[in-house]
Amino acid sequence: MTRRSFSTDFKLEAASLVVDQSYSIPGACKSIGVGPTALHRWVEQLRGGRGGTTPTRTKALTPEQKRIQDLEAKVRRLEREKEILKKATAVLMSDFLDQ
């Protein structure tokens, strides 16, 4: 069985059927030909995004969520780099003071 992949636009439109157009999840699944697990996940992502939360384990559905995910990843990377620099400075300073 081959796993299908869907574009972000498709996911957004599919979730919008349930959130904005009052389709039931089973009805929307039948209309667009996707499984209920995937559609449920997309609906939760869309509702969460509209409520101000950004998904942490899945790809973002909206451009705003994508930007937030990218910025959060950048912050994590910068924080790791800062910790490395702190440790390197401490080692260099201890070496300097030991002389």
Protein backbone atom coordinates (compact mmCIF):
# COMPACT_ATOMS: atom_id res chain seq x y z
CA MET A 1 0.00 0.00 0.00
CA THR A 2 1.47 3.33 -1.08
CA ARG A 3 1.25 6.26 1.28
CA ARG A 4 -0.28 9.29 -0.39
CA SER A 5 0.91 12.81 0.25
CA PHE A 6 -1.19 15.93 -0.01
CA SER A 7 -0.25 19.54 -0.60
CA THR A 8 -0.66 22.09 2.15
CA ASP A 9 -3.35 23.83 0.10
CA PHE A 10 -5.32 20.59 -0.23
CA LYS A 11 -5.09 19.95 3.53
CA LEU A 12 -6.21 23.48 4.28
CA GLU A 13 -9.17 23.24 1.92
CA ALA A 14 -10.15 19.82 3.25
CA ALA A 15 -10.07 21.01 6.86
CA SER A 16 -11.99 24.10 5.87
CA LEU A 17 -14.87 21.89 4.67
CA VAL A 18 -15.36 20.76 8.26
CA VAL A 19 -14.49 23.99 10.06
CA ASP A 20 -16.09 26.56 7.76
CA GLN A 21 -18.69 24.68 5.75
CA SER A 22 -20.11 22.45 8.50
CA TYR A 23 -19.32 19.12 6.82
CA SER A 24 -19.01 16.18 9.16
CA ILE A 25 -15.61 14.49 9.13
CA PRO A 26 -17.05 11.28 7.59
CA GLY A 27 -18.93 13.34 4.97
CA ALA A 28 -15.87 15.36 4.06
CA CYS A 29 -13.75 12.19 3.89
CA LYS A 30 -16.18 10.65 1.44
CA SER A 31 -16.26 13.84 -0.67
CA ILE A 32 -12.51 14.25 -1.00
CA GLY A 33 -11.31 10.66 -0.66
CA VAL A 34 -9.10 10.84 2.41
CA GLY A 35 -9.13 8.90 5.64
CA PRO A 36 -10.71 10.22 8.81
CA THR A 37 -7.48 10.14 10.81
CA ALA A 38 -5.71 12.50 8.42
CA LEU A 39 -8.69 14.82 8.09
CA HIS A 40 -9.21 14.94 11.83
CA ARG A 41 -5.54 15.93 12.27
CA TRP A 42 -5.84 18.67 9.63
CA VAL A 43 -9.03 20.00 11.23
CA GLU A 44 -7.33 20.16 14.63
CA GLN A 45 -4.35 21.95 13.08
CA LEU A 46 -6.61 24.49 11.39
CA ARG A 47 -8.63 25.11 14.55
CA GLY A 48 -5.45 25.38 16.59
CA GLY A 49 -3.89 27.78 14.11
CA ARG A 50 -6.94 29.99 14.18
CA GLY A 51 -6.83 29.81 17.96
CA GLY A 52 -3.23 30.97 18.00
CA THR A 53 -1.37 27.70 18.50
CA THR A 54 1.28 26.35 16.18
CA PRO A 55 1.70 22.62 15.62
CA THR A 56 4.91 21.24 17.08
CA ARG A 57 5.00 17.73 15.62
CA THR A 58 3.42 18.24 12.22
CA LYS A 59 3.93 20.53 9.26
CA ALA A 60 2.13 23.83 9.40
CA LEU A 61 -1.00 24.32 7.33
CA THR A 62 -0.94 28.10 7.07
CA PRO A 63 1.88 30.43 6.03
CA GLU A 64 1.75 32.06 9.47
CA GLN A 65 2.20 28.71 11.21
CA LYS A 66 5.08 27.86 8.86
CA ARG A 67 6.80 31.16 9.67
CA ILE A 68 6.35 30.56 13.40
CA GLN A 69 7.79 27.04 13.08
CA ASP A 70 10.77 28.40 11.15
CA LEU A 71 11.37 31.13 13.73
CA GLU A 72 11.05 28.69 16.63
CA ALA A 73 13.63 26.42 14.98
CA LYS A 74 15.95 29.39 14.54
CA VAL A 75 15.56 30.36 18.20
CA ARG A 76 16.39 26.79 19.29
CA ARG A 77 19.49 26.79 17.09
CA LEU A 78 20.63 30.18 18.41
CA GLU A 79 20.09 29.08 22.00
CA ARG A 80 22.23 25.97 21.39
CA GLU A 81 24.96 28.13 19.84
CA LYS A 82 24.82 30.52 22.79
CA GLU A 83 25.25 27.63 25.24
CA ILE A 84 28.26 26.36 23.27
CA LEU A 85 29.82 29.82 23.34
CA LYS A 86 29.22 30.13 27.10
CA LYS A 87 30.95 26.80 27.71
CA ALA A 88 33.85 27.70 25.41
CA THR A 89 34.27 31.05 27.17
CA ALA A 90 34.28 29.36 30.57
CA VAL A 91 36.97 26.89 29.43
CA LEU A 92 39.11 29.65 27.95
CA MET A 93 38.75 31.81 31.05
CA SER A 94 39.68 28.92 33.37
CA ASP A 95 42.76 28.23 31.24
CA PHE A 96 43.68 31.91 31.35
CA LEU A 97 43.23 32.15 35.13
CA ASP A 98 45.25 28.97 35.71
CA GLN A 99 48.34 30.49 34.06
